[in-house]
């Protein structure tokens, strides 16, 4: 307990043990003798200590999120129940991200359906701009421990159709939310119709190793045609393969077939037209043995997935 004199500003430091996995409610009370309005003497915050995600790749498609009672409620309504799996809505923003399926309810803005599974019942998150222009919505991810990832990346899909489209941005914190740094941002519409494909965004998380948290910020534009949407977040270790397909032998003839393995991670997907069964030859130093699980017919097109042996 400390004392503050009239017209004086003081800072009080208190040390708390928040090491146990739990939710902590911290309350600060100011006491003034003969106080005529005690209703404004207390403030409180909630701090949650959770176990960070350590298994990757990690993905969130928002399909398990429960829509609010009034998903198209007025600007500023609380939709805290809409989050799940460690994701939270920022209680201090102007509005909450809504759960969408099908269209957003406003013509001329928003997607017609989610990214995956790409059906009218598939779910995504979006910002409601009707009666809510120039307002910020903030979605905060769980904590992720990237210590064992060599080249961490986050992928996500966005749909930003609408002539009044505002700004969506992605920020990262490495100190528990005290400071945030912007990693990605885009302003204005990316699609010109609700049925246009979702846009994939790939952002590097190559920061000093440790525990991080992400937040997506949606700032609606000047009109109601600003329903921006987010879906299918994925965090993974981007690996580069050291082996690649050199050529395919077909009946004593050599066909060069360059393959770009720019983002191979756990397997290589090869689409090849095979005229007859011969060996697939790789560059020296890499050996892959593969038995095709189907009959190879002349002129037929087959698809096979071949696991490779090394990364770098």
C-alpha atoms as a PDB file:
ATOM      1  CA  UNK A   1       0.000   0.000   0.000  1.00  0.00           C
ATOM      2  CA  UNK A   2       1.272   3.496  -0.830  1.00  0.00           C
ATOM      3  CA  UNK A   3       0.174   7.077  -0.367  1.00  0.00           C
ATOM      4  CA  UNK A   4      -0.305   9.708  -3.079  1.00  0.00           C
ATOM      5  CA  UNK A   5      -0.315  13.366  -2.064  1.00  0.00           C
ATOM      6  CA  UNK A   6      -2.611  15.928  -3.753  1.00  0.00           C
ATOM      7  CA  UNK A   7      -1.426  17.026  -7.239  1.00  0.00           C
ATOM      8  CA  UNK A   8       1.237  14.320  -7.175  1.00  0.00           C
ATOM      9  CA  UNK A   9       1.892  11.400  -9.517  1.00  0.00           C
ATOM     10  CA  UNK A  10       3.615   8.309  -8.172  1.00  0.00           C
ATOM     11  CA  UNK A  11       4.542   4.911  -9.579  1.00  0.00           C
ATOM     12  CA  UNK A  12       4.202   1.796  -7.426  1.00  0.00           C
ATOM     13  CA  UNK A  13       5.904  -1.467  -8.373  1.00  0.00           C
ATOM     14  CA  UNK A  14       4.611  -4.804  -7.140  1.00  0.00           C
ATOM     15  CA  UNK A  15       6.093  -8.218  -7.879  1.00  0.00           C
ATOM     16  CA  UNK A  16       3.756 -11.147  -8.499  1.00  0.00           C
ATOM     17  CA  UNK A  17       4.480 -14.824  -9.005  1.00  0.00           C
ATOM     18  CA  UNK A  18       2.599 -15.765 -12.173  1.00  0.00           C
ATOM     19  CA  UNK A  19       4.693 -18.846 -12.956  1.00  0.00           C
ATOM     20  CA  UNK A  20       1.872 -21.371 -12.489  1.00  0.00           C
ATOM     21  CA  UNK A  21      -0.420 -22.128 -15.445  1.00  0.00           C
ATOM     22  CA  UNK A  22      -3.590 -20.236 -14.501  1.00  0.00           C
ATOM     23  CA  UNK A  23      -5.721 -17.131 -15.043  1.00  0.00           C
ATOM     24  CA  UNK A  24      -4.869 -14.250 -12.687  1.00  0.00           C
ATOM     25  CA  UNK A  25      -7.151 -11.316 -11.881  1.00  0.00           C
ATOM     26  CA  UNK A  26      -5.235  -8.254 -10.678  1.00  0.00           C
ATOM     27  CA  UNK A  27      -7.190  -5.469  -8.986  1.00  0.00           C
ATOM     28  CA  UNK A  28      -5.973  -2.011  -7.965  1.00  0.00           C
ATOM     29  CA  UNK A  29      -7.987   0.050  -5.469  1.00  0.00           C
ATOM     30  CA  UNK A  30      -7.582   3.749  -4.656  1.00  0.00           C
ATOM     31  CA  UNK A  31      -8.923   4.947  -1.292  1.00  0.00           C
ATOM     32  CA  UNK A  32      -9.713   8.599  -0.553  1.00  0.00           C
ATOM     33  CA  UNK A  33     -11.268   9.831   2.659  1.00  0.00           C
ATOM     34  CA  UNK A  34     -14.674  11.449   2.142  1.00  0.00           C
ATOM     35  CA  UNK A  35     -14.750  10.142  -1.432  1.00  0.00           C
ATOM     36  CA  UNK A  36     -18.145  11.067  -2.892  1.00  0.00           C
ATOM     37  CA  UNK A  37     -17.954   8.644  -5.833  1.00  0.00           C
ATOM     38  CA  UNK A  38     -16.326   5.302  -4.932  1.00  0.00           C
ATOM     39  CA  UNK A  39     -17.618   3.641  -8.111  1.00  0.00           C
ATOM     40  CA  UNK A  40     -14.534   4.702 -10.088  1.00  0.00           C
ATOM     41  CA  UNK A  41     -11.884   3.781  -7.514  1.00  0.00           C
ATOM     42  CA  UNK A  42     -11.034   0.303  -8.816  1.00  0.00           C
ATOM     43  CA  UNK A  43      -9.502  -1.040 -12.001  1.00  0.00           C
ATOM     44  CA  UNK A  44      -8.683  -4.644 -12.803  1.00  0.00           C
ATOM     45  CA  UNK A  45      -6.934  -6.676 -15.456  1.00  0.00           C
ATOM     46  CA  UNK A  46      -6.865 -10.379 -16.244  1.00  0.00           C
ATOM     47  CA  UNK A  47      -3.588 -12.164 -17.017  1.00  0.00           C
ATOM     48  CA  UNK A  48      -3.554 -15.699 -18.385  1.00  0.00           C
ATOM     49  CA  UNK A  49      -0.452 -17.874 -18.198  1.00  0.00           C
ATOM     50  CA  UNK A  50      -0.744 -20.619 -20.792  1.00  0.00           C
ATOM     51  CA  UNK A  51       1.529 -23.311 -22.178  1.00  0.00           C
ATOM     52  CA  UNK A  52       2.969 -22.211 -25.544  1.00  0.00           C
ATOM     53  CA  UNK A  53       2.485 -24.258 -28.693  1.00  0.00           C
ATOM     54  CA  UNK A  54       5.610 -26.345 -29.383  1.00  0.00           C
ATOM     55  CA  UNK A  55       4.373 -28.822 -32.017  1.00  0.00           C
ATOM     56  CA  UNK A  56       4.605 -27.677 -35.642  1.00  0.00           C
ATOM     57  CA  UNK A  57       3.263 -27.345 -38.227  1.00  0.00           C
ATOM     58  CA  UNK A  58       0.398 -25.622 -36.413  1.00  0.00           C
ATOM     59  CA  UNK A  59      -2.872 -24.715 -38.102  1.00  0.00           C
ATOM     60  CA  UNK A  60      -6.129 -22.973 -37.229  1.00  0.00           C
ATOM     61  CA  UNK A  61      -9.104 -22.941 -39.595  1.00  0.00           C
ATOM     62  CA  UNK A  62     -11.620 -21.353 -37.159  1.00  0.00           C
ATOM     63  CA  UNK A  63     -14.118 -24.140 -37.804  1.00  0.00           C
ATOM     64  CA  UNK A  64     -14.434 -24.866 -34.063  1.00  0.00           C
ATOM     65  CA  UNK A  65     -15.155 -21.236 -33.114  1.00  0.00           C
ATOM     66  CA  UNK A  66     -18.701 -20.666 -31.848  1.00  0.00           C
ATOM     67  CA  UNK A  67     -20.567 -17.718 -33.430  1.00  0.00           C
ATOM     68  CA  UNK A  68     -21.870 -15.081 -31.029  1.00  0.00           C
ATOM     69  CA  UNK A  69     -25.552 -14.871 -30.214  1.00  0.00           C
ATOM     70  CA  UNK A  70     -25.848 -11.938 -32.610  1.00  0.00           C
ATOM     71  CA  UNK A  71     -23.013 -12.325 -35.067  1.00  0.00           C
ATOM     72  CA  UNK A  72     -24.100  -9.182 -36.921  1.00  0.00           C
ATOM     73  CA  UNK A  73     -24.588  -7.118 -33.763  1.00  0.00           C
ATOM     74  CA  UNK A  74     -23.889  -3.391 -33.447  1.00  0.00           C
ATOM     75  CA  UNK A  75     -20.422  -1.911 -33.590  1.00  0.00           C
ATOM     76  CA  UNK A  76     -18.526  -2.362 -30.351  1.00  0.00           C
ATOM     77  CA  UNK A  77     -20.343  -5.472 -29.157  1.00  0.00           C
ATOM     78  CA  UNK A  78     -18.354  -8.129 -27.301  1.00  0.00           C
ATOM     79  CA  UNK A  79     -17.777 -11.412 -29.089  1.00  0.00           C
ATOM     80  CA  UNK A  80     -15.327 -12.966 -26.634  1.00  0.00           C
ATOM     81  CA  UNK A  81     -17.165 -16.301 -26.788  1.00  0.00           C
ATOM     82  CA  UNK A  82     -16.310 -16.550 -30.474  1.00  0.00           C
ATOM     83  CA  UNK A  83     -12.715 -17.561 -29.787  1.00  0.00           C
ATOM     84  CA  UNK A  84     -11.311 -21.003 -29.049  1.00  0.00           C
ATOM     85  CA  UNK A  85      -8.073 -23.003 -28.945  1.00  0.00           C
ATOM     86  CA  UNK A  86      -6.199 -20.277 -27.074  1.00  0.00           C
ATOM     87  CA  UNK A  87      -7.166 -17.433 -29.428  1.00  0.00           C
ATOM     88  CA  UNK A  88      -8.636 -14.316 -27.808  1.00  0.00           C
ATOM     89  CA  UNK A  89     -10.319 -11.082 -28.838  1.00  0.00           C
ATOM     90  CA  UNK A  90      -8.633  -7.929 -27.542  1.00  0.00           C
ATOM     91  CA  UNK A  91     -10.989  -6.456 -24.946  1.00  0.00           C
ATOM     92  CA  UNK A  92      -9.652  -2.947 -25.564  1.00  0.00           C
ATOM     93  CA  UNK A  93     -10.324  -2.655 -29.298  1.00  0.00           C
ATOM     94  CA  UNK A  94     -13.275  -0.947 -30.960  1.00  0.00           C
ATOM     95  CA  UNK A  95     -15.029  -4.076 -32.201  1.00  0.00           C
ATOM     96  CA  UNK A  96     -14.518  -7.842 -32.340  1.00  0.00           C
ATOM     97  CA  UNK A  97     -13.781 -10.143 -35.251  1.00  0.00           C
ATOM     98  CA  UNK A  98     -16.992 -11.949 -36.181  1.00  0.00           C
ATOM     99  CA  UNK A  99     -17.473 -15.589 -37.213  1.00  0.00           C
ATOM    100  CA  UNK A 100     -18.586 -15.742 -40.824  1.00  0.00           C
ATOM    101  CA  UNK A 101     -19.968 -18.491 -43.071  1.00  0.00           C
ATOM    102  CA  UNK A 102     -21.301 -17.908 -46.534  1.00  0.00           C
ATOM    103  CA  UNK A 103     -21.417 -14.149 -47.159  1.00  0.00           C
ATOM    104  CA  UNK A 104     -20.972 -11.464 -44.509  1.00  0.00           C
ATOM    105  CA  UNK A 105     -24.513 -10.200 -45.038  1.00  0.00           C
ATOM    106  CA  UNK A 106     -23.546  -6.979 -46.831  1.00  0.00           C
ATOM    107  CA  UNK A 107     -23.729  -6.858 -50.616  1.00  0.00           C
ATOM    108  CA  UNK A 108     -20.633  -5.612 -52.421  1.00  0.00           C
ATOM    109  CA  UNK A 109     -18.124  -6.692 -49.787  1.00  0.00           C
ATOM    110  CA  UNK A 110     -16.741  -9.813 -48.136  1.00  0.00           C
ATOM    111  CA  UNK A 111     -16.217 -13.341 -49.480  1.00  0.00           C
ATOM    112  CA  UNK A 112     -18.944 -15.655 -50.726  1.00  0.00           C
ATOM    113  CA  UNK A 113     -17.573 -18.548 -48.646  1.00  0.00           C
ATOM    114  CA  UNK A 114     -14.584 -19.560 -46.565  1.00  0.00           C
ATOM    115  CA  UNK A 115     -11.231 -20.597 -48.027  1.00  0.00           C
ATOM    116  CA  UNK A 116     -11.218 -24.209 -46.863  1.00  0.00           C
ATOM    117  CA  UNK A 117     -13.363 -26.284 -47.145  1.00  0.00           C
ATOM    118  CA  UNK A 118     -14.756 -23.613 -49.477  1.00  0.00           C
ATOM    119  CA  UNK A 119     -18.418 -24.245 -48.736  1.00  0.00           C
ATOM    120  CA  UNK A 120     -21.305 -22.016 -47.569  1.00  0.00           C
ATOM    121  CA  UNK A 121     -21.043 -23.605 -44.098  1.00  0.00           C
ATOM    122  CA  UNK A 122     -17.263 -23.321 -43.715  1.00  0.00           C
ATOM    123  CA  UNK A 123     -16.193 -20.678 -41.179  1.00  0.00           C
ATOM    124  CA  UNK A 124     -13.826 -17.709 -41.319  1.00  0.00           C
ATOM    125  CA  UNK A 125     -13.299 -14.489 -39.348  1.00  0.00           C
ATOM    126  CA  UNK A 126     -14.279 -11.049 -40.622  1.00  0.00           C
ATOM    127  CA  UNK A 127     -14.683  -7.426 -39.580  1.00  0.00           C
ATOM    128  CA  UNK A 128     -18.195  -5.956 -39.753  1.00  0.00           C
ATOM    129  CA  UNK A 129     -18.057  -2.487 -41.318  1.00  0.00           C
ATOM    130  CA  UNK A 130     -21.779  -1.651 -41.369  1.00  0.00           C
ATOM    131  CA  UNK A 131     -22.168   1.196 -38.874  1.00  0.00           C
ATOM    132  CA  UNK A 132     -18.587   0.521 -37.830  1.00  0.00           C
ATOM    133  CA  UNK A 133     -16.332   2.625 -40.066  1.00  0.00           C
ATOM    134  CA  UNK A 134     -12.772   3.488 -39.059  1.00  0.00           C
ATOM    135  CA  UNK A 135     -12.879   0.987 -36.185  1.00  0.00           C
ATOM    136  CA  UNK A 136     -10.142  -1.440 -35.122  1.00  0.00           C
ATOM    137  CA  UNK A 137     -10.674  -5.156 -34.379  1.00  0.00           C
ATOM    138  CA  UNK A 138      -7.794  -7.150 -32.860  1.00  0.00           C
ATOM    139  CA  UNK A 139      -7.464 -10.945 -32.758  1.00  0.00           C
ATOM    140  CA  UNK A 140      -4.630 -12.388 -30.631  1.00  0.00           C
ATOM    141  CA  UNK A 141      -3.124 -15.816 -31.212  1.00  0.00           C
ATOM    142  CA  UNK A 142      -1.879 -18.329 -28.659  1.00  0.00           C
ATOM    143  CA  UNK A 143       1.802 -18.215 -27.673  1.00  0.00           C
ATOM    144  CA  UNK A 144       4.247 -20.126 -29.885  1.00  0.00           C
ATOM    145  CA  UNK A 145       7.690 -21.381 -28.892  1.00  0.00           C
ATOM    146  CA  UNK A 146       9.776 -21.112 -32.078  1.00  0.00           C
ATOM    147  CA  UNK A 147      13.075 -22.049 -30.422  1.00  0.00           C
ATOM    148  CA  UNK A 148      13.467 -25.291 -32.403  1.00  0.00           C
ATOM    149  CA  UNK A 149      12.397 -23.924 -35.794  1.00  0.00           C
ATOM    150  CA  UNK A 150      15.155 -23.028 -38.220  1.00  0.00           C
ATOM    151  CA  UNK A 151      13.126 -20.806 -40.556  1.00  0.00           C
ATOM    152  CA  UNK A 152       9.652 -20.178 -39.080  1.00  0.00           C
ATOM    153  CA  UNK A 153       6.893 -18.807 -41.303  1.00  0.00           C
ATOM    154  CA  UNK A 154       3.211 -18.016 -40.943  1.00  0.00           C
ATOM    155  CA  UNK A 155       0.795 -18.486 -43.838  1.00  0.00           C
ATOM    156  CA  UNK A 156      -2.767 -17.205 -43.864  1.00  0.00           C
ATOM    157  CA  UNK A 157      -5.489 -16.397 -46.368  1.00  0.00           C
ATOM    158  CA  UNK A 158      -7.238 -13.049 -46.627  1.00  0.00           C
ATOM    159  CA  UNK A 159     -10.253 -11.816 -48.577  1.00  0.00           C
ATOM    160  CA  UNK A 160     -10.540  -8.035 -48.934  1.00  0.00           C
ATOM    161  CA  UNK A 161     -13.298  -7.195 -51.389  1.00  0.00           C
ATOM    162  CA  UNK A 162     -15.065  -3.844 -51.105  1.00  0.00           C
ATOM    163  CA  UNK A 163     -14.595  -0.341 -52.500  1.00  0.00           C
ATOM    164  CA  UNK A 164     -14.284   1.113 -48.966  1.00  0.00           C
ATOM    165  CA  UNK A 165     -11.720  -1.490 -47.900  1.00  0.00           C
ATOM    166  CA  UNK A 166      -9.479  -0.497 -45.013  1.00  0.00           C
ATOM    167  CA  UNK A 167      -6.246  -2.015 -43.677  1.00  0.00           C
ATOM    168  CA  UNK A 168      -5.332  -5.427 -42.310  1.00  0.00           C
ATOM    169  CA  UNK A 169      -2.006  -5.894 -40.534  1.00  0.00           C
ATOM    170  CA  UNK A 170      -0.079  -8.582 -38.659  1.00  0.00           C
ATOM    171  CA  UNK A 171       2.056  -7.815 -35.605  1.00  0.00           C
ATOM    172  CA  UNK A 172       4.360  -9.871 -33.389  1.00  0.00           C
ATOM    173  CA  UNK A 173       5.358  -9.571 -29.733  1.00  0.00           C
ATOM    174  CA  UNK A 174       8.341 -11.240 -28.090  1.00  0.00           C
ATOM    175  CA  UNK A 175       7.845  -9.760 -24.612  1.00  0.00           C
ATOM    176  CA  UNK A 176       4.380 -10.946 -23.655  1.00  0.00           C
ATOM    177  CA  UNK A 177       2.493  -8.109 -25.335  1.00  0.00           C
ATOM    178  CA  UNK A 178       4.368  -5.140 -23.887  1.00  0.00           C
ATOM    179  CA  UNK A 179       5.588  -4.114 -27.330  1.00  0.00           C
ATOM    180  CA  UNK A 180       4.411  -5.114 -30.799  1.00  0.00           C
ATOM    181  CA  UNK A 181       6.213  -4.958 -34.149  1.00  0.00           C
ATOM    182  CA  UNK A 182       4.462  -4.933 -37.514  1.00  0.00           C
ATOM    183  CA  UNK A 183       5.371  -7.785 -39.869  1.00  0.00           C
ATOM    184  CA  UNK A 184       2.856  -7.306 -42.684  1.00  0.00           C
ATOM    185  CA  UNK A 185       0.168  -4.868 -43.774  1.00  0.00           C
ATOM    186  CA  UNK A 186      -2.045  -4.240 -46.779  1.00  0.00           C
ATOM    187  CA  UNK A 187      -4.567  -1.495 -47.550  1.00  0.00           C
ATOM    188  CA  UNK A 188      -7.386  -1.483 -50.083  1.00  0.00           C
ATOM    189  CA  UNK A 189      -9.222  -4.294 -51.781  1.00  0.00           C
ATOM    190  CA  UNK A 190      -7.324  -7.349 -53.020  1.00  0.00           C
ATOM    191  CA  UNK A 191     -10.343  -8.931 -54.715  1.00  0.00           C
ATOM    192  CA  UNK A 192     -12.956  -7.273 -56.908  1.00  0.00           C
ATOM    193  CA  UNK A 193     -15.752  -9.782 -56.276  1.00  0.00           C
ATOM    194  CA  UNK A 194     -16.906 -12.035 -53.462  1.00  0.00           C
ATOM    195  CA  UNK A 195     -16.297 -15.197 -55.483  1.00  0.00           C
ATOM    196  CA  UNK A 196     -12.663 -14.381 -56.297  1.00  0.00           C
ATOM    197  CA  UNK A 197     -10.102 -16.714 -54.671  1.00  0.00           C
ATOM    198  CA  UNK A 198      -8.682 -15.932 -51.260  1.00  0.00           C
ATOM    199  CA  UNK A 199      -5.173 -14.426 -51.319  1.00  0.00           C
ATOM    200  CA  UNK A 200      -2.358 -16.372 -49.650  1.00  0.00           C
ATOM    201  CA  UNK A 201       0.032 -14.323 -47.498  1.00  0.00           C
ATOM    202  CA  UNK A 202       3.417 -15.744 -46.449  1.00  0.00           C
ATOM    203  CA  UNK A 203       5.285 -13.903 -43.690  1.00  0.00           C
ATOM    204  CA  UNK A 204       8.642 -14.739 -42.119  1.00  0.00           C
ATOM    205  CA  UNK A 205       8.777 -15.125 -38.330  1.00  0.00           C
ATOM    206  CA  UNK A 206      12.573 -15.228 -38.326  1.00  0.00           C
ATOM    207  CA  UNK A 207      13.028 -13.265 -35.107  1.00  0.00           C
ATOM    208  CA  UNK A 208      15.342 -14.004 -32.152  1.00  0.00           C
ATOM    209  CA  UNK A 209      14.409 -17.527 -30.983  1.00  0.00           C
ATOM    210  CA  UNK A 210      11.911 -17.787 -28.185  1.00  0.00           C
ATOM    211  CA  UNK A 211       8.222 -17.456 -27.406  1.00  0.00           C
ATOM    212  CA  UNK A 212       6.156 -15.166 -29.624  1.00  0.00           C
ATOM    213  CA  UNK A 213       2.534 -14.150 -30.040  1.00  0.00           C
ATOM    214  CA  UNK A 214       0.773 -12.759 -33.097  1.00  0.00           C
ATOM    215  CA  UNK A 215      -2.179 -10.454 -33.567  1.00  0.00           C
ATOM    216  CA  UNK A 216      -4.224  -9.603 -36.646  1.00  0.00           C
ATOM    217  CA  UNK A 217      -5.572  -6.053 -36.732  1.00  0.00           C
ATOM    218  CA  UNK A 218      -8.444  -5.064 -38.990  1.00  0.00           C
ATOM    219  CA  UNK A 219      -9.112  -1.344 -39.474  1.00  0.00           C
ATOM    220  CA  UNK A 220     -12.328  -0.771 -41.404  1.00  0.00           C
ATOM    221  CA  UNK A 221     -12.499   1.887 -44.091  1.00  0.00           C
ATOM    222  CA  UNK A 222     -14.719   4.981 -44.491  1.00  0.00           C
ATOM    223  CA  UNK A 223     -17.837   3.100 -45.634  1.00  0.00           C
ATOM    224  CA  UNK A 224     -19.722  -0.142 -45.043  1.00  0.00           C
ATOM    225  CA  UNK A 225     -18.056  -1.881 -48.022  1.00  0.00           C
ATOM    226  CA  UNK A 226     -15.095  -2.899 -45.873  1.00  0.00           C
ATOM    227  CA  UNK A 227     -15.762  -6.439 -44.614  1.00  0.00           C
ATOM    228  CA  UNK A 228     -12.269  -7.987 -44.586  1.00  0.00           C
ATOM    229  CA  UNK A 229     -11.831 -11.694 -43.820  1.00  0.00           C
ATOM    230  CA  UNK A 230      -9.150 -14.047 -42.441  1.00  0.00           C
ATOM    231  CA  UNK A 231      -8.902 -17.845 -42.686  1.00  0.00           C
ATOM    232  CA  UNK A 232      -6.585 -20.855 -42.398  1.00  0.00           C
ATOM    233  CA  UNK A 233      -3.596 -19.697 -40.363  1.00  0.00           C
ATOM    234  CA  UNK A 234      -0.577 -22.018 -40.481  1.00  0.00           C
ATOM    235  CA  UNK A 235       2.801 -21.756 -38.690  1.00  0.00           C
ATOM    236  CA  UNK A 236       5.585 -24.066 -39.822  1.00  0.00           C
ATOM    237  CA  UNK A 237       9.310 -24.488 -40.365  1.00  0.00           C
ATOM    238  CA  UNK A 238      10.098 -23.659 -43.961  1.00  0.00           C
ATOM    239  CA  UNK A 239      12.748 -26.079 -45.216  1.00  0.00           C
ATOM    240  CA  UNK A 240      14.643 -26.189 -48.465  1.00  0.00           C
ATOM    241  CA  UNK A 241      15.375 -29.541 -50.072  1.00  0.00           C
ATOM    242  CA  UNK A 242      18.940 -30.459 -51.073  1.00  0.00           C
ATOM    243  CA  UNK A 243      17.789 -32.964 -53.700  1.00  0.00           C
ATOM    244  CA  UNK A 244      15.799 -32.389 -56.851  1.00  0.00           C
ATOM    245  CA  UNK A 245      14.614 -34.371 -59.848  1.00  0.00           C
ATOM    246  CA  UNK A 246      17.262 -34.434 -62.541  1.00  0.00           C
ATOM    247  CA  UNK A 247      15.727 -36.487 -65.318  1.00  0.00           C
ATOM    248  CA  UNK A 248      13.413 -39.353 -66.235  1.00  0.00           C
ATOM    249  CA  UNK A 249      14.535 -42.175 -68.497  1.00  0.00           C
ATOM    250  CA  UNK A 250      11.966 -43.306 -71.034  1.00  0.00           C
ATOM    251  CA  UNK A 251      12.945 -46.285 -73.208  1.00  0.00           C
ATOM    252  CA  UNK A 252      16.642 -45.305 -73.609  1.00  0.00           C
ATOM    253  CA  UNK A 253      15.697 -41.677 -74.295  1.00  0.00           C
ATOM    254  CA  UNK A 254      16.563 -38.930 -71.819  1.00  0.00           C
ATOM    255  CA  UNK A 255      13.981 -36.272 -70.988  1.00  0.00           C
ATOM    256  CA  UNK A 256      15.174 -33.319 -68.897  1.00  0.00           C
ATOM    257  CA  UNK A 257      12.575 -32.345 -66.329  1.00  0.00           C
ATOM    258  CA  UNK A 258      13.569 -29.517 -63.938  1.00  0.00           C
ATOM    259  CA  UNK A 259      11.524 -29.460 -60.720  1.00  0.00           C
ATOM    260  CA  UNK A 260      11.320 -26.466 -58.400  1.00  0.00           C
ATOM    261  CA  UNK A 261      11.357 -27.622 -54.769  1.00  0.00           C
ATOM    262  CA  UNK A 262      11.282 -24.124 -53.349  1.00  0.00           C
ATOM    263  CA  UNK A 263       8.997 -24.993 -50.449  1.00  0.00           C
ATOM    264  CA  UNK A 264       9.322 -28.739 -49.978  1.00  0.00           C
ATOM    265  CA  UNK A 265       8.862 -29.628 -46.336  1.00  0.00           C
ATOM    266  CA  UNK A 266       7.923 -33.209 -45.481  1.00  0.00           C
ATOM    267  CA  UNK A 267       7.468 -34.613 -48.979  1.00  0.00           C
ATOM    268  CA  UNK A 268       7.969 -33.837 -52.663  1.00  0.00           C
ATOM    269  CA  UNK A 269       4.970 -33.987 -54.942  1.00  0.00           C
ATOM    270  CA  UNK A 270       5.913 -34.944 -58.515  1.00  0.00           C
ATOM    271  CA  UNK A 271       3.533 -34.904 -61.462  1.00  0.00           C
ATOM    272  CA  UNK A 272       5.121 -36.822 -64.345  1.00  0.00           C
ATOM    273  CA  UNK A 273       4.053 -38.285 -67.691  1.00  0.00           C
ATOM    274  CA  UNK A 274       5.681 -41.725 -67.814  1.00  0.00           C
ATOM    275  CA  UNK A 275       5.780 -43.648 -71.106  1.00  0.00           C
ATOM    276  CA  UNK A 276       7.173 -46.874 -69.659  1.00  0.00           C
ATOM    277  CA  UNK A 277       8.679 -48.059 -66.415  1.00  0.00           C
ATOM    278  CA  UNK A 278      12.292 -46.923 -65.983  1.00  0.00           C
ATOM    279  CA  UNK A 279      14.385 -45.485 -63.177  1.00  0.00           C
ATOM    280  CA  UNK A 280      14.050 -41.931 -61.869  1.00  0.00           C
ATOM    281  CA  UNK A 281      17.589 -40.524 -61.598  1.00  0.00           C
ATOM    282  CA  UNK A 282      18.512 -37.917 -58.968  1.00  0.00           C
ATOM    283  CA  UNK A 283      21.672 -35.876 -58.544  1.00  0.00           C
ATOM    284  CA  UNK A 284      24.623 -37.668 -56.968  1.00  0.00           C
ATOM    285  CA  UNK A 285      24.641 -37.925 -53.181  1.00  0.00           C
ATOM    286  CA  UNK A 286      20.873 -38.410 -52.913  1.00  0.00           C
ATOM    287  CA  UNK A 287      19.295 -41.843 -53.149  1.00  0.00           C
ATOM    288  CA  UNK A 288      15.554 -42.404 -53.202  1.00  0.00           C
ATOM    289  CA  UNK A 289      13.946 -45.778 -53.769  1.00  0.00           C
ATOM    290  CA  UNK A 290      10.334 -45.727 -54.792  1.00  0.00           C
ATOM    291  CA  UNK A 291       7.892 -48.363 -56.013  1.00  0.00           C
ATOM    292  CA  UNK A 292       4.916 -47.005 -57.916  1.00  0.00           C
ATOM    293  CA  UNK A 293       1.665 -48.351 -56.371  1.00  0.00           C
ATOM    294  CA  UNK A 294      -0.067 -48.496 -59.755  1.00  0.00           C
ATOM    295  CA  UNK A 295       0.395 -49.945 -63.220  1.00  0.00           C
ATOM    296  CA  UNK A 296       2.238 -47.571 -65.563  1.00  0.00           C
ATOM    297  CA  UNK A 297       0.494 -47.399 -68.894  1.00  0.00           C
ATOM    298  CA  UNK A 298       1.862 -45.734 -72.019  1.00  0.00           C
ATOM    299  CA  UNK A 299       0.569 -42.200 -72.426  1.00  0.00           C
ATOM    300  CA  UNK A 300      -1.052 -42.151 -69.001  1.00  0.00           C
ATOM    301  CA  UNK A 301      -0.512 -39.439 -66.387  1.00  0.00           C
ATOM    302  CA  UNK A 302       0.162 -40.565 -62.821  1.00  0.00           C
ATOM    303  CA  UNK A 303       0.733 -38.627 -59.601  1.00  0.00           C
ATOM    304  CA  UNK A 304       3.077 -39.917 -56.881  1.00  0.00           C
ATOM    305  CA  UNK A 305       4.400 -38.499 -53.620  1.00  0.00           C
ATOM    306  CA  UNK A 306       8.048 -39.363 -52.906  1.00  0.00           C
ATOM    307  CA  UNK A 307       9.576 -38.759 -49.485  1.00  0.00           C
ATOM    308  CA  UNK A 308      13.078 -37.342 -49.695  1.00  0.00           C
ATOM    309  CA  UNK A 309      16.033 -37.908 -47.426  1.00  0.00           C
ATOM    310  CA  UNK A 310      17.596 -34.594 -46.505  1.00  0.00           C
ATOM    311  CA  UNK A 311      16.834 -30.938 -45.740  1.00  0.00           C
ATOM    312  CA  UNK A 312      19.058 -27.946 -45.227  1.00  0.00           C
END
